[in-house]
Amino acid sequence: MTPELTVLALAGLLQALQFATVSIRANLELPAGKLMGPRDPQRLGAPLLEQVSPKTGRLFRALNNHFEGLILLTLAVVVVTLADRATGFSAICAWTYLVARIAYVPAYFFGWTPWRSIIWMIGFLATILMLLSVFVV
């Protein structure tokens, strides 16, 4: 397996860990009926993000942000792999993305400003550079 595919698998596991963390915190903070029901707006009274603590809300937003970043990473890994353009550089880019995503969660949770945005940009840039690397001969 290429390093890029390894990183993609690990990023998927990170996503699962983030999801579990958000779910556990939300279940501890909200009544069971809120999360086990169909979550119809009339039944909830307010969006779930407005009903959880600020830090749980941050974890939820970090989870959603990773969904968005994971789409682009997956695209980059598929392109690099199918084009048979995996290189040391694309591997470094993939690992940089993963390290940035891991660092992003506590940065968001603890409200590290401006570091959260800088960490996000590093991961985003690593993914874009990996995509661009397929065009370099």
C-alpha atoms as a PDB file:
ATOM      1  CA  MET A   1       0.000   0.000   0.000  1.00  0.00           C
ATOM      2  CA  THR A   2       1.321   3.462  -0.842  1.00  0.00           C
ATOM      3  CA  PRO A   3       1.958   5.991   1.919  1.00  0.00           C
ATOM      4  CA  GLU A   4      -0.841   8.123   0.486  1.00  0.00           C
ATOM      5  CA  LEU A   5      -3.350   5.275   0.830  1.00  0.00           C
ATOM      6  CA  THR A   6      -2.105   4.586   4.365  1.00  0.00           C
ATOM      7  CA  VAL A   7      -2.704   8.223   5.274  1.00  0.00           C
ATOM      8  CA  LEU A   8      -6.171   8.092   3.725  1.00  0.00           C
ATOM      9  CA  ALA A   9      -7.035   5.051   5.846  1.00  0.00           C
ATOM     10  CA  LEU A  10      -5.696   6.751   8.978  1.00  0.00           C
ATOM     11  CA  ALA A  11      -7.608   9.937   8.140  1.00  0.00           C
ATOM     12  CA  GLY A  12     -10.767   7.823   7.936  1.00  0.00           C
ATOM     13  CA  LEU A  13     -10.027   6.405  11.379  1.00  0.00           C
ATOM     14  CA  LEU A  14      -9.427   9.935  12.689  1.00  0.00           C
ATOM     15  CA  GLN A  15     -12.840  10.880  11.299  1.00  0.00           C
ATOM     16  CA  ALA A  16     -14.421   7.951  13.140  1.00  0.00           C
ATOM     17  CA  LEU A  17     -12.671   8.947  16.376  1.00  0.00           C
ATOM     18  CA  GLN A  18     -13.868  12.537  16.015  1.00  0.00           C
ATOM     19  CA  PHE A  19     -17.413  11.314  15.370  1.00  0.00           C
ATOM     20  CA  ALA A  20     -17.338   9.100  18.465  1.00  0.00           C
ATOM     21  CA  THR A  21     -15.989  11.944  20.598  1.00  0.00           C
ATOM     22  CA  VAL A  22     -18.699  14.353  19.472  1.00  0.00           C
ATOM     23  CA  SER A  23     -21.407  11.714  19.934  1.00  0.00           C
ATOM     24  CA  ILE A  24     -20.299  10.829  23.449  1.00  0.00           C
ATOM     25  CA  ARG A  25     -20.092  14.458  24.567  1.00  0.00           C
ATOM     26  CA  ALA A  26     -23.462  15.332  23.015  1.00  0.00           C
ATOM     27  CA  ASN A  27     -25.104  12.299  24.634  1.00  0.00           C
ATOM     28  CA  LEU A  28     -23.715  13.338  28.011  1.00  0.00           C
ATOM     29  CA  GLU A  29     -24.971  16.903  27.615  1.00  0.00           C
ATOM     30  CA  LEU A  30     -28.428  16.414  26.071  1.00  0.00           C
ATOM     31  CA  PRO A  31     -31.467  14.370  27.078  1.00  0.00           C
ATOM     32  CA  ALA A  32     -31.627  10.962  25.353  1.00  0.00           C
ATOM     33  CA  GLY A  33     -34.789  11.827  23.440  1.00  0.00           C
ATOM     34  CA  LYS A  34     -33.033  14.664  21.615  1.00  0.00           C
ATOM     35  CA  LEU A  35     -30.482  12.436  19.925  1.00  0.00           C
ATOM     36  CA  MET A  36     -32.429   9.206  19.521  1.00  0.00           C
ATOM     37  CA  GLY A  37     -35.402  10.752  17.751  1.00  0.00           C
ATOM     38  CA  PRO A  38     -35.755  11.899  14.144  1.00  0.00           C
ATOM     39  CA  ARG A  39     -34.364  15.354  15.020  1.00  0.00           C
ATOM     40  CA  ASP A  40     -37.249  17.212  13.416  1.00  0.00           C
ATOM     41  CA  PRO A  41     -36.830  20.989  13.911  1.00  0.00           C
ATOM     42  CA  GLN A  42     -40.191  21.322  15.681  1.00  0.00           C
ATOM     43  CA  ARG A  43     -39.223  18.603  18.160  1.00  0.00           C
ATOM     44  CA  LEU A  44     -35.726  19.885  18.925  1.00  0.00           C
ATOM     45  CA  GLY A  45     -36.725  23.453  19.715  1.00  0.00           C
ATOM     46  CA  ALA A  46     -33.330  24.711  18.504  1.00  0.00           C
ATOM     47  CA  PRO A  47     -30.477  23.323  16.395  1.00  0.00           C
ATOM     48  CA  LEU A  48     -28.387  20.781  18.315  1.00  0.00           C
ATOM     49  CA  LEU A  49     -25.301  22.966  17.993  1.00  0.00           C
ATOM     50  CA  GLU A  50     -27.081  25.659  19.995  1.00  0.00           C
ATOM     51  CA  GLN A  51     -27.956  23.191  22.756  1.00  0.00           C
ATOM     52  CA  VAL A  52     -24.522  21.734  23.468  1.00  0.00           C
ATOM     53  CA  SER A  53     -21.625  23.349  25.306  1.00  0.00           C
ATOM     54  CA  PRO A  54     -19.320  25.656  23.330  1.00  0.00           C
ATOM     55  CA  LYS A  55     -16.494  23.085  23.357  1.00  0.00           C
ATOM     56  CA  THR A  56     -18.746  20.274  22.120  1.00  0.00           C
ATOM     57  CA  GLY A  57     -19.929  22.653  19.408  1.00  0.00           C
ATOM     58  CA  ARG A  58     -16.304  23.245  18.437  1.00  0.00           C
ATOM     59  CA  LEU A  59     -15.712  19.489  18.204  1.00  0.00           C
ATOM     60  CA  PHE A  60     -18.787  19.174  15.993  1.00  0.00           C
ATOM     61  CA  ARG A  61     -17.549  21.960  13.704  1.00  0.00           C
ATOM     62  CA  ALA A  62     -14.073  20.374  13.565  1.00  0.00           C
ATOM     63  CA  LEU A  63     -15.738  17.083  12.564  1.00  0.00           C
ATOM     64  CA  ASN A  64     -17.673  18.789   9.775  1.00  0.00           C
ATOM     65  CA  ASN A  65     -14.516  20.586   8.661  1.00  0.00           C
ATOM     66  CA  HIS A  66     -12.705  17.253   8.427  1.00  0.00           C
ATOM     67  CA  PHE A  67     -15.504  15.847   6.265  1.00  0.00           C
ATOM     68  CA  GLU A  68     -14.818  18.708   3.852  1.00  0.00           C
ATOM     69  CA  GLY A  69     -11.042  18.254   3.958  1.00  0.00           C
ATOM     70  CA  LEU A  70     -11.313  14.488   3.628  1.00  0.00           C
ATOM     71  CA  ILE A  71     -13.131  14.856   0.319  1.00  0.00           C
ATOM     72  CA  LEU A  72     -10.214  16.801  -1.160  1.00  0.00           C
ATOM     73  CA  LEU A  73      -7.625  14.442   0.356  1.00  0.00           C
ATOM     74  CA  THR A  74      -9.465  11.440  -1.077  1.00  0.00           C
ATOM     75  CA  LEU A  75      -9.504  13.092  -4.489  1.00  0.00           C
ATOM     76  CA  ALA A  76      -5.768  13.800  -4.266  1.00  0.00           C
ATOM     77  CA  VAL A  77      -4.916  10.255  -3.161  1.00  0.00           C
ATOM     78  CA  VAL A  78      -7.056   8.708  -5.910  1.00  0.00           C
ATOM     79  CA  VAL A  79      -5.492  10.918  -8.586  1.00  0.00           C
ATOM     80  CA  VAL A  80      -1.931  10.288  -7.372  1.00  0.00           C
ATOM     81  CA  THR A  81      -2.562   6.545  -7.090  1.00  0.00           C
ATOM     82  CA  LEU A  82      -4.409   6.017 -10.377  1.00  0.00           C
ATOM     83  CA  ALA A  83      -1.970   8.227 -12.288  1.00  0.00           C
ATOM     84  CA  ASP A  84       0.872   6.176 -10.765  1.00  0.00           C
ATOM     85  CA  ARG A  85       2.461   9.443  -9.609  1.00  0.00           C
ATOM     86  CA  ALA A  86       3.109   8.570  -5.972  1.00  0.00           C
ATOM     87  CA  THR A  87       6.448  10.101  -4.985  1.00  0.00           C
ATOM     88  CA  GLY A  88       8.276  11.010  -1.830  1.00  0.00           C
ATOM     89  CA  PHE A  89       6.850  14.499  -2.198  1.00  0.00           C
ATOM     90  CA  SER A  90       3.230  13.289  -2.437  1.00  0.00           C
ATOM     91  CA  ALA A  91       3.839  11.073   0.615  1.00  0.00           C
ATOM     92  CA  ILE A  92       5.158  14.065   2.587  1.00  0.00           C
ATOM     93  CA  CYS A  93       2.099  16.047   1.524  1.00  0.00           C
ATOM     94  CA  ALA A  94      -0.237  13.275   2.665  1.00  0.00           C
ATOM     95  CA  TRP A  95       1.468  12.907   6.051  1.00  0.00           C
ATOM     96  CA  THR A  96       1.488  16.681   6.472  1.00  0.00           C
ATOM     97  CA  TYR A  97      -2.264  16.719   5.886  1.00  0.00           C
ATOM     98  CA  LEU A  98      -2.805  14.033   8.536  1.00  0.00           C
ATOM     99  CA  VAL A  99      -0.591  15.699  11.135  1.00  0.00           C
ATOM    100  CA  ALA A 100      -2.354  19.008  10.489  1.00  0.00           C
ATOM    101  CA  ARG A 101      -5.792  17.388  10.889  1.00  0.00           C
ATOM    102  CA  ILE A 102      -4.749  15.763  14.145  1.00  0.00           C
ATOM    103  CA  ALA A 103      -3.414  19.095  15.435  1.00  0.00           C
ATOM    104  CA  TYR A 104      -6.531  20.914  14.201  1.00  0.00           C
ATOM    105  CA  VAL A 105      -8.864  19.152  16.643  1.00  0.00           C
ATOM    106  CA  PRO A 106      -7.263  20.423  19.879  1.00  0.00           C
ATOM    107  CA  ALA A 107      -6.561  23.779  18.211  1.00  0.00           C
ATOM    108  CA  TYR A 108     -10.274  24.180  17.517  1.00  0.00           C
ATOM    109  CA  PHE A 109     -11.375  22.671  20.852  1.00  0.00           C
ATOM    110  CA  PHE A 110      -9.219  25.047  22.892  1.00  0.00           C
ATOM    111  CA  GLY A 111      -9.788  28.040  20.610  1.00  0.00           C
ATOM    112  CA  TRP A 112      -6.143  28.607  19.677  1.00  0.00           C
ATOM    113  CA  THR A 113      -6.176  31.783  17.619  1.00  0.00           C
ATOM    114  CA  PRO A 114      -4.691  32.219  15.026  1.00  0.00           C
ATOM    115  CA  TRP A 115      -3.116  28.732  15.189  1.00  0.00           C
ATOM    116  CA  ARG A 116      -6.303  26.891  14.280  1.00  0.00           C
ATOM    117  CA  SER A 117      -6.480  28.750  10.966  1.00  0.00           C
ATOM    118  CA  ILE A 118      -2.760  28.316  10.305  1.00  0.00           C
ATOM    119  CA  ILE A 119      -2.977  24.573  10.985  1.00  0.00           C
ATOM    120  CA  TRP A 120      -5.990  24.326   8.673  1.00  0.00           C
ATOM    121  CA  MET A 121      -4.104  26.176   5.926  1.00  0.00           C
ATOM    122  CA  ILE A 122      -1.109  23.820   6.231  1.00  0.00           C
ATOM    123  CA  GLY A 123      -3.363  20.789   5.699  1.00  0.00           C
ATOM    124  CA  PHE A 124      -5.187  22.437   2.824  1.00  0.00           C
ATOM    125  CA  LEU A 125      -1.961  23.525   1.132  1.00  0.00           C
ATOM    126  CA  ALA A 126      -0.464  20.036   1.516  1.00  0.00           C
ATOM    127  CA  THR A 127      -3.489  18.560  -0.237  1.00  0.00           C
ATOM    128  CA  ILE A 128      -3.377  21.083  -3.082  1.00  0.00           C
ATOM    129  CA  LEU A 129       0.356  20.506  -3.536  1.00  0.00           C
ATOM    130  CA  MET A 130      -0.246  16.749  -3.699  1.00  0.00           C
ATOM    131  CA  LEU A 131      -2.807  17.308  -6.447  1.00  0.00           C
ATOM    132  CA  LEU A 132      -0.493  19.621  -8.347  1.00  0.00           C
ATOM    133  CA  SER A 133       2.389  17.156  -8.041  1.00  0.00           C
ATOM    134  CA  VAL A 134       0.778  14.832 -10.601  1.00  0.00           C
ATOM    135  CA  PHE A 135       1.470  17.436 -13.277  1.00  0.00           C
ATOM    136  CA  VAL A 136       5.189  17.598 -12.536  1.00  0.00           C
ATOM    137  CA  VAL A 137       7.186  15.204 -14.670  1.00  0.00           C
END
